[in-house]
Amino acid sequence: MVENSCALAKRKCVPCSGDVPPLSLDQCRKLHGELKNWELVEAKRLVKSYKFKDFQSAMDLANKIAVIAEEEGHHPDLLVRWGELRIDLWTHAVNGLTESDFILAAKIDCLP
């Protein structure tokens, strides 16, 4: 699973202006199989939570994700609280999932 995820992570996110349809459920399921421990919510969102022993560790991972998000031009919603970082990914312009969401999730999976 991680090997596939890192292969997907080598791809680049593509900006979306809302002119493409969101991925179908079948397309989402196929790409979801390449990720590690992400929840696929109604083919509209990817969600993942990390648990930590403190607040700083959650912030450290959030900051690493922020760097990738800026590089890719694709920005997840991050909820940082004591002991947890929650990531919500979807393409707002299409109110669903695009390939870029899965690419960004894979890049997050491959963080050290």
C-alpha atoms as a PDB file:
ATOM      1  CA  MET A   1       0.000   0.000   0.000  1.00  0.00           C
ATOM      2  CA  VAL A   2       2.731   2.516   0.921  1.00  0.00           C
ATOM      3  CA  GLU A   3       4.685   1.736  -2.249  1.00  0.00           C
ATOM      4  CA  ASN A   4       1.635   2.575  -4.388  1.00  0.00           C
ATOM      5  CA  SER A   5       1.008   5.673  -2.308  1.00  0.00           C
ATOM      6  CA  CYS A   6       4.527   6.942  -2.877  1.00  0.00           C
ATOM      7  CA  ALA A   7       4.209   6.264  -6.623  1.00  0.00           C
ATOM      8  CA  LEU A   8       1.052   8.404  -6.651  1.00  0.00           C
ATOM      9  CA  ALA A   9       2.935  11.002  -4.603  1.00  0.00           C
ATOM     10  CA  LYS A  10       5.410  11.529  -7.450  1.00  0.00           C
ATOM     11  CA  ARG A  11       2.647  13.119  -9.513  1.00  0.00           C
ATOM     12  CA  LYS A  12       1.770  16.824  -9.409  1.00  0.00           C
ATOM     13  CA  CYS A  13      -1.510  18.375  -8.305  1.00  0.00           C
ATOM     14  CA  VAL A  14      -3.384  20.182 -11.070  1.00  0.00           C
ATOM     15  CA  PRO A  15      -5.263  23.399 -10.242  1.00  0.00           C
ATOM     16  CA  CYS A  16      -9.011  23.056 -10.646  1.00  0.00           C
ATOM     17  CA  SER A  17     -11.254  25.940 -11.591  1.00  0.00           C
ATOM     18  CA  GLY A  18     -14.437  23.885 -11.367  1.00  0.00           C
ATOM     19  CA  ASP A  19     -14.592  23.044 -15.054  1.00  0.00           C
ATOM     20  CA  VAL A  20     -14.134  19.295 -14.527  1.00  0.00           C
ATOM     21  CA  PRO A  21     -16.563  16.927 -12.823  1.00  0.00           C
ATOM     22  CA  PRO A  22     -15.617  15.288  -9.539  1.00  0.00           C
ATOM     23  CA  LEU A  23     -14.374  11.701  -9.705  1.00  0.00           C
ATOM     24  CA  SER A  24     -16.947   8.913  -9.742  1.00  0.00           C
ATOM     25  CA  LEU A  25     -17.256   6.518  -6.819  1.00  0.00           C
ATOM     26  CA  ASP A  26     -15.436   3.809  -8.803  1.00  0.00           C
ATOM     27  CA  GLN A  27     -12.579   6.179  -9.646  1.00  0.00           C
ATOM     28  CA  CYS A  28     -12.363   7.234  -5.990  1.00  0.00           C
ATOM     29  CA  ARG A  29     -12.299   3.643  -4.765  1.00  0.00           C
ATOM     30  CA  LYS A  30      -9.461   2.766  -7.133  1.00  0.00           C
ATOM     31  CA  LEU A  31      -7.290   5.692  -6.018  1.00  0.00           C
ATOM     32  CA  HIS A  32      -8.306   5.248  -2.378  1.00  0.00           C
ATOM     33  CA  GLY A  33      -6.761   1.774  -2.516  1.00  0.00           C
ATOM     34  CA  GLU A  34      -3.370   3.409  -3.036  1.00  0.00           C
ATOM     35  CA  LEU A  35      -3.566   5.413   0.202  1.00  0.00           C
ATOM     36  CA  LYS A  36      -2.742   4.496   3.776  1.00  0.00           C
ATOM     37  CA  ASN A  37      -5.538   4.738   6.368  1.00  0.00           C
ATOM     38  CA  TRP A  38      -7.574   7.514   4.761  1.00  0.00           C
ATOM     39  CA  GLU A  39     -11.336   7.433   5.146  1.00  0.00           C
ATOM     40  CA  LEU A  40     -13.289   7.909   1.921  1.00  0.00           C
ATOM     41  CA  VAL A  41     -16.462   9.775   2.857  1.00  0.00           C
ATOM     42  CA  GLU A  42     -19.267   9.363   0.301  1.00  0.00           C
ATOM     43  CA  ALA A  43     -16.813   9.865  -2.589  1.00  0.00           C
ATOM     44  CA  LYS A  44     -16.735  13.535  -1.604  1.00  0.00           C
ATOM     45  CA  ARG A  45     -13.930  13.804   0.965  1.00  0.00           C
ATOM     46  CA  LEU A  46     -10.804  12.142   2.237  1.00  0.00           C
ATOM     47  CA  VAL A  47     -10.298  12.291   5.992  1.00  0.00           C
ATOM     48  CA  LYS A  48      -7.392  11.189   8.153  1.00  0.00           C
ATOM     49  CA  SER A  49      -6.529  11.768  11.800  1.00  0.00           C
ATOM     50  CA  TYR A  50      -3.168  11.411  13.461  1.00  0.00           C
ATOM     51  CA  LYS A  51      -2.903  10.971  17.225  1.00  0.00           C
ATOM     52  CA  PHE A  52      -0.018  12.465  19.227  1.00  0.00           C
ATOM     53  CA  LYS A  53       1.191  12.656  22.799  1.00  0.00           C
ATOM     54  CA  ASP A  54       1.165  16.460  22.775  1.00  0.00           C
ATOM     55  CA  PHE A  55       0.177  19.598  20.886  1.00  0.00           C
ATOM     56  CA  GLN A  56       3.603  20.389  19.413  1.00  0.00           C
ATOM     57  CA  SER A  57       3.836  17.101  17.505  1.00  0.00           C
ATOM     58  CA  ALA A  58       0.486  17.800  15.848  1.00  0.00           C
ATOM     59  CA  MET A  59       1.708  21.287  14.898  1.00  0.00           C
ATOM     60  CA  ASP A  60       4.969  19.909  13.513  1.00  0.00           C
ATOM     61  CA  LEU A  61       3.105  17.600  11.118  1.00  0.00           C
ATOM     62  CA  ALA A  62       0.655  20.379  10.204  1.00  0.00           C
ATOM     63  CA  ASN A  63       3.612  22.596   9.269  1.00  0.00           C
ATOM     64  CA  LYS A  64       5.120  19.870   7.067  1.00  0.00           C
ATOM     65  CA  ILE A  65       1.756  19.471   5.330  1.00  0.00           C
ATOM     66  CA  ALA A  66       1.508  23.251   4.865  1.00  0.00           C
ATOM     67  CA  VAL A  67       4.799  23.268   2.943  1.00  0.00           C
ATOM     68  CA  ILE A  68       3.570  20.526   0.594  1.00  0.00           C
ATOM     69  CA  ALA A  69       0.187  22.221   0.164  1.00  0.00           C
ATOM     70  CA  GLU A  70       1.862  25.464  -0.874  1.00  0.00           C
ATOM     71  CA  GLU A  71       4.182  23.664  -3.303  1.00  0.00           C
ATOM     72  CA  GLU A  72       1.226  21.843  -4.859  1.00  0.00           C
ATOM     73  CA  GLY A  73      -1.218  24.755  -4.818  1.00  0.00           C
ATOM     74  CA  HIS A  74      -3.756  22.435  -3.204  1.00  0.00           C
ATOM     75  CA  HIS A  75      -4.794  23.112   0.368  1.00  0.00           C
ATOM     76  CA  PRO A  76      -6.447  20.743   2.845  1.00  0.00           C
ATOM     77  CA  ASP A  77      -8.428  21.754   5.881  1.00  0.00           C
ATOM     78  CA  LEU A  78      -6.317  21.077   8.958  1.00  0.00           C
ATOM     79  CA  LEU A  79      -7.676  20.877  12.479  1.00  0.00           C
ATOM     80  CA  VAL A  80      -4.930  20.977  15.086  1.00  0.00           C
ATOM     81  CA  ARG A  81      -5.732  20.328  18.716  1.00  0.00           C
ATOM     82  CA  TRP A  82      -3.959  18.809  21.663  1.00  0.00           C
ATOM     83  CA  GLY A  83      -3.056  15.252  20.739  1.00  0.00           C
ATOM     84  CA  GLU A  84      -4.558  15.239  17.239  1.00  0.00           C
ATOM     85  CA  LEU A  85      -4.241  16.514  13.697  1.00  0.00           C
ATOM     86  CA  ARG A  86      -7.250  15.949  11.435  1.00  0.00           C
ATOM     87  CA  ILE A  87      -6.969  16.430   7.687  1.00  0.00           C
ATOM     88  CA  ASP A  88      -9.973  16.950   5.405  1.00  0.00           C
ATOM     89  CA  LEU A  89      -9.289  16.912   1.676  1.00  0.00           C
ATOM     90  CA  TRP A  90     -11.623  17.708  -1.194  1.00  0.00           C
ATOM     91  CA  THR A  91     -11.690  20.055  -4.143  1.00  0.00           C
ATOM     92  CA  HIS A  92     -13.917  22.935  -3.155  1.00  0.00           C
ATOM     93  CA  ALA A  93     -14.427  24.079  -6.759  1.00  0.00           C
ATOM     94  CA  VAL A  94     -16.239  20.835  -7.657  1.00  0.00           C
ATOM     95  CA  ASN A  95     -17.563  20.009  -4.175  1.00  0.00           C
ATOM     96  CA  GLY A  96     -16.025  16.563  -4.455  1.00  0.00           C
ATOM     97  CA  LEU A  97     -12.812  14.705  -5.091  1.00  0.00           C
ATOM     98  CA  THR A  98     -10.365  15.116  -7.932  1.00  0.00           C
ATOM     99  CA  GLU A  99      -7.146  13.286  -8.646  1.00  0.00           C
ATOM    100  CA  SER A 100      -5.242  16.114  -6.945  1.00  0.00           C
ATOM    101  CA  ASP A 101      -6.846  15.223  -3.609  1.00  0.00           C
ATOM    102  CA  PHE A 102      -5.458  11.707  -3.842  1.00  0.00           C
ATOM    103  CA  ILE A 103      -2.064  12.981  -4.961  1.00  0.00           C
ATOM    104  CA  LEU A 104      -1.865  15.323  -1.969  1.00  0.00           C
ATOM    105  CA  ALA A 105      -3.020  12.551   0.389  1.00  0.00           C
ATOM    106  CA  ALA A 106      -0.276  10.299  -1.000  1.00  0.00           C
ATOM    107  CA  LYS A 107       2.331  13.018  -0.501  1.00  0.00           C
ATOM    108  CA  ILE A 108       1.194  13.323   3.116  1.00  0.00           C
ATOM    109  CA  ASP A 109       1.421   9.524   3.500  1.00  0.00           C
ATOM    110  CA  CYS A 110       5.033   9.638   2.339  1.00  0.00           C
ATOM    111  CA  LEU A 111       6.172  12.234   4.868  1.00  0.00           C
ATOM    112  CA  PRO A 112       8.910  10.930   7.158  1.00  0.00           C
END
